[in-house]
Amino acid sequence: MGNAPVAGPRFVIDFEVDQNGHDYDHFAATQMEDCLKACVGDCNCNAFTYAGRGYQPNVFDNRKSLCWLKD
């Protein structure tokens, strides 16, 4: 008996990368897993970027971490 393949979505995690795709939604997130769960649950999501505090564009509150969903 071998190991059965795992079904479901797969993600590659890249650090310090703004993933390709149009930012169609964003929300405050406390950890990267919040973004992952949101993306898995949204059929329009092909990637996401989790940006920690201090890494947002200047027009956003840099005291919060944000998740950016991408199509």
PDB file of N, CA and C in Angstrom:
ATOM      1  N   MET A   1       0.834  -1.186   0.000  1.00  0.00           N
ATOM      2  CA  MET A   1       0.000   0.000   0.000  1.00  0.00           C
ATOM      3  C   MET A   1       0.874   1.243   0.000  1.00  0.00           C
ATOM      4  N   GLY A   2       0.561   2.160  -0.865  1.00  0.00           N
ATOM      5  CA  GLY A   2       1.281   3.427  -0.924  1.00  0.00           C
ATOM      6  C   GLY A   2       0.425   4.542  -0.354  1.00  0.00           C
ATOM      7  N   ASN A   3       0.973   5.692  -0.370  1.00  0.00           N
ATOM      8  CA  ASN A   3       0.223   6.856   0.078  1.00  0.00           C
ATOM      9  C   ASN A   3      -0.705   7.322  -1.031  1.00  0.00           C
ATOM     10  N   ALA A   4      -1.929   7.612  -0.673  1.00  0.00           N
ATOM     11  CA  ALA A   4      -2.902   8.123  -1.641  1.00  0.00           C
ATOM     12  C   ALA A   4      -2.570   9.580  -1.950  1.00  0.00           C
ATOM     13  N   PRO A   5      -2.729   9.996  -3.207  1.00  0.00           N
ATOM     14  CA  PRO A   5      -2.481  11.403  -3.535  1.00  0.00           C
ATOM     15  C   PRO A   5      -3.472  12.309  -2.812  1.00  0.00           C
ATOM     16  N   VAL A   6      -3.018  13.458  -2.451  1.00  0.00           N
ATOM     17  CA  VAL A   6      -3.862  14.426  -1.767  1.00  0.00           C
ATOM     18  C   VAL A   6      -4.586  15.263  -2.808  1.00  0.00           C
ATOM     19  N   ALA A   7      -5.905  15.302  -2.708  1.00  0.00           N
ATOM     20  CA  ALA A   7      -6.706  16.103  -3.635  1.00  0.00           C
ATOM     21  C   ALA A   7      -6.905  17.497  -3.054  1.00  0.00           C
ATOM     22  N   GLY A   8      -7.137  18.439  -3.916  1.00  0.00           N
ATOM     23  CA  GLY A   8      -7.419  19.788  -3.458  1.00  0.00           C
ATOM     24  C   GLY A   8      -6.430  20.788  -4.019  1.00  0.00           C
ATOM     25  N   PRO A   9      -6.645  22.045  -3.685  1.00  0.00           N
ATOM     26  CA  PRO A   9      -5.782  23.092  -4.231  1.00  0.00           C
ATOM     27  C   PRO A   9      -4.373  23.010  -3.674  1.00  0.00           C
ATOM     28  N   ARG A  10      -3.418  23.434  -4.479  1.00  0.00           N
ATOM     29  CA  ARG A  10      -2.018  23.506  -4.059  1.00  0.00           C
ATOM     30  C   ARG A  10      -1.536  24.928  -4.259  1.00  0.00           C
ATOM     31  N   PHE A  11      -0.718  25.375  -3.365  1.00  0.00           N
ATOM     32  CA  PHE A  11      -0.170  26.722  -3.435  1.00  0.00           C
ATOM     33  C   PHE A  11       1.338  26.662  -3.309  1.00  0.00           C
ATOM     34  N   VAL A  12       1.995  27.573  -3.981  1.00  0.00           N
ATOM     35  CA  VAL A  12       3.428  27.784  -3.825  1.00  0.00           C
ATOM     36  C   VAL A  12       3.580  29.075  -3.032  1.00  0.00           C
ATOM     37  N   ILE A  13       4.375  29.033  -1.995  1.00  0.00           N
ATOM     38  CA  ILE A  13       4.574  30.215  -1.164  1.00  0.00           C
ATOM     39  C   ILE A  13       5.888  30.882  -1.555  1.00  0.00           C
ATOM     40  N   ASP A  14       5.778  32.129  -1.994  1.00  0.00           N
ATOM     41  CA  ASP A  14       6.940  32.947  -2.338  1.00  0.00           C
ATOM     42  C   ASP A  14       7.009  34.091  -1.332  1.00  0.00           C
ATOM     43  N   PHE A  15       8.167  34.358  -0.817  1.00  0.00           N
ATOM     44  CA  PHE A  15       8.328  35.452   0.128  1.00  0.00           C
ATOM     45  C   PHE A  15       8.804  36.704  -0.593  1.00  0.00           C
ATOM     46  N   GLU A  16       8.274  37.850  -0.155  1.00  0.00           N
ATOM     47  CA  GLU A  16       8.627  39.160  -0.697  1.00  0.00           C
ATOM     48  C   GLU A  16       8.336  39.267  -2.191  1.00  0.00           C
ATOM     49  N   VAL A  17       7.169  38.720  -2.607  1.00  0.00           N
ATOM     50  CA  VAL A  17       6.739  38.765  -4.003  1.00  0.00           C
ATOM     51  C   VAL A  17       5.299  39.261  -4.051  1.00  0.00           C
ATOM     52  N   ASP A  18       5.035  40.257  -4.892  1.00  0.00           N
ATOM     53  CA  ASP A  18       3.668  40.679  -5.174  1.00  0.00           C
ATOM     54  C   ASP A  18       3.216  39.842  -6.363  1.00  0.00           C
ATOM     55  N   GLN A  19       2.341  38.890  -6.127  1.00  0.00           N
ATOM     56  CA  GLN A  19       1.932  37.946  -7.163  1.00  0.00           C
ATOM     57  C   GLN A  19       1.227  38.657  -8.314  1.00  0.00           C
ATOM     58  N   ASN A  20       1.332  38.068  -9.492  1.00  0.00           N
ATOM     59  CA  ASN A  20       0.652  38.589 -10.677  1.00  0.00           C
ATOM     60  C   ASN A  20      -0.848  38.473 -10.508  1.00  0.00           C
ATOM     61  N   GLY A  21      -1.550  39.273 -11.256  1.00  0.00           N
ATOM     62  CA  GLY A  21      -3.006  39.247 -11.237  1.00  0.00           C
ATOM     63  C   GLY A  21      -3.551  40.579 -10.753  1.00  0.00           C
ATOM     64  N   HIS A  22      -4.786  40.820 -11.105  1.00  0.00           N
ATOM     65  CA  HIS A  22      -5.485  42.036 -10.709  1.00  0.00           C
ATOM     66  C   HIS A  22      -5.942  41.891  -9.260  1.00  0.00           C
ATOM     67  N   ASP A  23      -5.681  42.892  -8.432  1.00  0.00           N
ATOM     68  CA  ASP A  23      -6.174  42.896  -7.051  1.00  0.00           C
ATOM     69  C   ASP A  23      -7.667  43.194  -7.090  1.00  0.00           C
ATOM     70  N   TYR A  24      -8.498  42.186  -6.867  1.00  0.00           N
ATOM     71  CA  TYR A  24      -9.936  42.427  -6.932  1.00  0.00           C
ATOM     72  C   TYR A  24     -10.577  42.533  -5.561  1.00  0.00           C
ATOM     73  N   ASP A  25      -9.838  42.221  -4.504  1.00  0.00           N
ATOM     74  CA  ASP A  25     -10.375  42.362  -3.152  1.00  0.00           C
ATOM     75  C   ASP A  25      -9.208  42.420  -2.177  1.00  0.00           C
ATOM     76  N   HIS A  26      -9.421  43.093  -1.072  1.00  0.00           N
ATOM     77  CA  HIS A  26      -8.433  43.089   0.005  1.00  0.00           C
ATOM     78  C   HIS A  26      -9.153  43.225   1.334  1.00  0.00           C
ATOM     79  N   PHE A  27      -8.522  42.728   2.383  1.00  0.00           N
ATOM     80  CA  PHE A  27      -9.105  42.779   3.718  1.00  0.00           C
ATOM     81  C   PHE A  27      -7.996  42.637   4.753  1.00  0.00           C
ATOM     82  N   ALA A  28      -8.285  43.089   5.967  1.00  0.00           N
ATOM     83  CA  ALA A  28      -7.328  42.950   7.061  1.00  0.00           C
ATOM     84  C   ALA A  28      -7.190  41.474   7.409  1.00  0.00           C
ATOM     85  N   ALA A  29      -5.964  41.059   7.639  1.00  0.00           N
ATOM     86  CA  ALA A  29      -5.683  39.661   7.965  1.00  0.00           C
ATOM     87  C   ALA A  29      -4.618  39.626   9.056  1.00  0.00           C
ATOM     88  N   THR A  30      -4.754  38.686   9.976  1.00  0.00           N
ATOM     89  CA  THR A  30      -3.766  38.590  11.047  1.00  0.00           C
ATOM     90  C   THR A  30      -2.625  37.650  10.696  1.00  0.00           C
ATOM     91  N   GLN A  31      -2.853  36.770   9.728  1.00  0.00           N
ATOM     92  CA  GLN A  31      -1.810  35.828   9.312  1.00  0.00           C
ATOM     93  C   GLN A  31      -2.056  35.379   7.878  1.00  0.00           C
ATOM     94  N   MET A  32      -1.030  34.833   7.241  1.00  0.00           N
ATOM     95  CA  MET A  32      -1.122  34.410   5.847  1.00  0.00           C
ATOM     96  C   MET A  32      -2.227  33.373   5.640  1.00  0.00           C
ATOM     97  N   GLU A  33      -2.456  32.524   6.622  1.00  0.00           N
ATOM     98  CA  GLU A  33      -3.474  31.485   6.494  1.00  0.00           C
ATOM     99  C   GLU A  33      -4.861  32.067   6.270  1.00  0.00           C
ATOM    100  N   ASP A  34      -5.113  33.291   6.756  1.00  0.00           N
ATOM    101  CA  ASP A  34      -6.393  33.960   6.494  1.00  0.00           C
ATOM    102  C   ASP A  34      -6.576  34.171   4.996  1.00  0.00           C
ATOM    103  N   CYS A  35      -5.512  34.563   4.316  1.00  0.00           N
ATOM    104  CA  CYS A  35      -5.550  34.767   2.865  1.00  0.00           C
ATOM    105  C   CYS A  35      -5.764  33.440   2.147  1.00  0.00           C
ATOM    106  N   LEU A  36      -5.054  32.432   2.589  1.00  0.00           N
ATOM    107  CA  LEU A  36      -5.154  31.109   1.978  1.00  0.00           C
ATOM    108  C   LEU A  36      -6.582  30.586   2.047  1.00  0.00           C
ATOM    109  N   LYS A  37      -7.198  30.671   3.209  1.00  0.00           N
ATOM    110  CA  LYS A  37      -8.579  30.201   3.372  1.00  0.00           C
ATOM    111  C   LYS A  37      -9.538  30.984   2.484  1.00  0.00           C
ATOM    112  N   ALA A  38      -9.350  32.296   2.412  1.00  0.00           N
ATOM    113  CA  ALA A  38     -10.226  33.125   1.582  1.00  0.00           C
ATOM    114  C   ALA A  38     -10.065  32.781   0.110  1.00  0.00           C
ATOM    115  N   CYS A  39      -8.845  32.567  -0.332  1.00  0.00           N
ATOM    116  CA  CYS A  39      -8.583  32.261  -1.740  1.00  0.00           C
ATOM    117  C   CYS A  39      -9.158  30.895  -2.113  1.00  0.00           C
ATOM    118  N   VAL A  40      -8.964  29.917  -1.250  1.00  0.00           N
ATOM    119  CA  VAL A  40      -9.494  28.573  -1.523  1.00  0.00           C
ATOM    120  C   VAL A  40     -11.015  28.612  -1.633  1.00  0.00           C
ATOM    121  N   GLY A  41     -11.663  29.458  -0.849  1.00  0.00           N
ATOM    122  CA  GLY A  41     -13.117  29.540  -0.850  1.00  0.00           C
ATOM    123  C   GLY A  41     -13.707  30.438  -1.919  1.00  0.00           C
ATOM    124  N   ASP A  42     -12.882  31.016  -2.776  1.00  0.00           N
ATOM    125  CA  ASP A  42     -13.351  31.954  -3.796  1.00  0.00           C
ATOM    126  C   ASP A  42     -12.916  31.458  -5.173  1.00  0.00           C
ATOM    127  N   CYS A  43     -13.875  31.080  -6.005  1.00  0.00           N
ATOM    128  CA  CYS A  43     -13.550  30.504  -7.315  1.00  0.00           C
ATOM    129  C   CYS A  43     -12.859  31.505  -8.243  1.00  0.00           C
ATOM    130  N   ASN A  44     -12.926  32.800  -7.949  1.00  0.00           N
ATOM    131  CA  ASN A  44     -12.253  33.808  -8.772  1.00  0.00           C
ATOM    132  C   ASN A  44     -10.788  34.000  -8.396  1.00  0.00           C
ATOM    133  N   CYS A  45     -10.376  33.449  -7.276  1.00  0.00           N
ATOM    134  CA  CYS A  45      -9.028  33.686  -6.763  1.00  0.00           C
ATOM    135  C   CYS A  45      -8.029  32.706  -7.366  1.00  0.00           C
ATOM    136  N   ASN A  46      -7.006  33.250  -8.011  1.00  0.00           N
ATOM    137  CA  ASN A  46      -5.923  32.442  -8.574  1.00  0.00           C
ATOM    138  C   ASN A  46      -4.630  32.583  -7.787  1.00  0.00           C
ATOM    139  N   ALA A  47      -4.538  33.626  -6.980  1.00  0.00           N
ATOM    140  CA  ALA A  47      -3.345  33.873  -6.171  1.00  0.00           C
ATOM    141  C   ALA A  47      -3.714  34.912  -5.121  1.00  0.00           C
ATOM    142  N   PHE A  48      -2.824  35.105  -4.175  1.00  0.00           N
ATOM    143  CA  PHE A  48      -3.008  36.165  -3.194  1.00  0.00           C
ATOM    144  C   PHE A  48      -1.646  36.668  -2.756  1.00  0.00           C
ATOM    145  N   THR A  49      -1.663  37.877  -2.218  1.00  0.00           N
ATOM    146  CA  THR A  49      -0.468  38.431  -1.595  1.00  0.00           C
ATOM    147  C   THR A  49      -0.839  38.841  -0.183  1.00  0.00           C
ATOM    148  N   TYR A  50      -0.075  38.360   0.783  1.00  0.00           N
ATOM    149  CA  TYR A  50      -0.225  38.770   2.174  1.00  0.00           C
ATOM    150  C   TYR A  50       0.859  39.796   2.448  1.00  0.00           C
ATOM    151  N   ALA A  51       0.452  40.993   2.804  1.00  0.00           N
ATOM    152  CA  ALA A  51       1.404  42.071   3.071  1.00  0.00           C
ATOM    153  C   ALA A  51       1.318  42.444   4.545  1.00  0.00           C
ATOM    154  N   GLY A  52       2.394  42.214   5.250  1.00  0.00           N
ATOM    155  CA  GLY A  52       2.438  42.510   6.679  1.00  0.00           C
ATOM    156  C   GLY A  52       2.449  43.999   6.959  1.00  0.00           C
ATOM    157  N   ARG A  53       2.352  44.325   8.224  1.00  0.00           N
ATOM    158  CA  ARG A  53       2.362  45.733   8.640  1.00  0.00           C
ATOM    159  C   ARG A  53       3.599  46.433   8.092  1.00  0.00           C
ATOM    160  N   GLY A  54       3.373  47.634   7.578  1.00  0.00           N
ATOM    161  CA  GLY A  54       4.471  48.432   7.058  1.00  0.00           C
ATOM    162  C   GLY A  54       4.806  48.169   5.603  1.00  0.00           C
ATOM    163  N   TYR A  55       4.094  47.249   4.957  1.00  0.00           N
ATOM    164  CA  TYR A  55       4.392  46.903   3.560  1.00  0.00           C
ATOM    165  C   TYR A  55       3.263  47.266   2.604  1.00  0.00           C
ATOM    166  N   GLN A  56       2.337  48.118   3.037  1.00  0.00           N
ATOM    167  CA  GLN A  56       1.208  48.506   2.195  1.00  0.00           C
ATOM    168  C   GLN A  56       1.570  49.738   1.374  1.00  0.00           C
ATOM    169  N   PRO A  57       0.860  49.935   0.255  1.00  0.00           N
ATOM    170  CA  PRO A  57       1.004  51.217  -0.446  1.00  0.00           C
ATOM    171  C   PRO A  57       0.649  52.356   0.514  1.00  0.00           C
ATOM    172  N   ASN A  58       1.173  53.524   0.292  1.00  0.00           N
ATOM    173  CA  ASN A  58       1.010  54.644   1.223  1.00  0.00           C
ATOM    174  C   ASN A  58      -0.432  55.045   1.494  1.00  0.00           C
ATOM    175  N   VAL A  59      -1.350  54.727   0.608  1.00  0.00           N
ATOM    176  CA  VAL A  59      -2.745  55.125   0.811  1.00  0.00           C
ATOM    177  C   VAL A  59      -3.464  54.218   1.805  1.00  0.00           C
ATOM    178  N   PHE A  60      -2.813  53.160   2.290  1.00  0.00           N
ATOM    179  CA  PHE A  60      -3.425  52.229   3.232  1.00  0.00           C
ATOM    180  C   PHE A  60      -2.796  52.367   4.610  1.00  0.00           C
ATOM    181  N   ASP A  61      -3.507  51.914   5.614  1.00  0.00           N
ATOM    182  CA  ASP A  61      -3.048  51.954   7.002  1.00  0.00           C
ATOM    183  C   ASP A  61      -1.949  50.911   7.201  1.00  0.00           C
ATOM    184  N   ASN A  62      -0.729  51.345   7.345  1.00  0.00           N
ATOM    185  CA  ASN A  62       0.398  50.430   7.479  1.00  0.00           C
ATOM    186  C   ASN A  62       0.508  49.793   8.857  1.00  0.00           C
ATOM    187  N   ARG A  63      -0.437  50.100   9.732  1.00  0.00           N
ATOM    188  CA  ARG A  63      -0.437  49.444  11.043  1.00  0.00           C
ATOM    189  C   ARG A  63      -1.123  48.085  10.983  1.00  0.00           C
ATOM    190  N   LYS A  64      -1.741  47.774   9.849  1.00  0.00           N
ATOM    191  CA  LYS A  64      -2.469  46.509   9.687  1.00  0.00           C
ATOM    192  C   LYS A  64      -1.822  45.668   8.596  1.00  0.00           C
ATOM    193  N   SER A  65      -1.953  44.367   8.728  1.00  0.00           N
ATOM    194  CA  SER A  65      -1.583  43.449   7.648  1.00  0.00           C
ATOM    195  C   SER A  65      -2.797  43.284   6.752  1.00  0.00           C
ATOM    196  N   LEU A  66      -2.570  43.209   5.446  1.00  0.00           N
ATOM    197  CA  LEU A  66      -3.676  43.054   4.507  1.00  0.00           C
ATOM    198  C   LEU A  66      -3.453  41.850   3.611  1.00  0.00           C
ATOM    199  N   CYS A  67      -4.556  41.277   3.177  1.00  0.00           N
ATOM    200  CA  CYS A  67      -4.555  40.203   2.200  1.00  0.00           C
ATOM    201  C   CYS A  67      -5.133  40.767   0.908  1.00  0.00           C
ATOM    202  N   TRP A  68      -4.444  40.510  -0.200  1.00  0.00           N
ATOM    203  CA  TRP A  68      -4.879  40.972  -1.518  1.00  0.00           C
ATOM    204  C   TRP A  68      -5.192  39.745  -2.369  1.00  0.00           C
ATOM    205  N   LEU A  69      -6.476  39.560  -2.710  1.00  0.00           N
ATOM    206  CA  LEU A  69      -6.874  38.450  -3.575  1.00  0.00           C
ATOM    207  C   LEU A  69      -6.701  38.870  -5.025  1.00  0.00           C
ATOM    208  N   LYS A  70      -6.230  37.940  -5.850  1.00  0.00           N
ATOM    209  CA  LYS A  70      -5.909  38.241  -7.247  1.00  0.00           C
ATOM    210  C   LYS A  70      -6.601  37.262  -8.191  1.00  0.00           C
ATOM    211  N   ASP A  71      -7.052  37.807  -9.334  1.00  0.00           N
ATOM    212  CA  ASP A  71      -7.716  36.945 -10.322  1.00  0.00           C
ATOM    213  C   ASP A  71      -6.741  36.465 -11.362  1.00  0.00           C
TER     214      ASP A  71
END
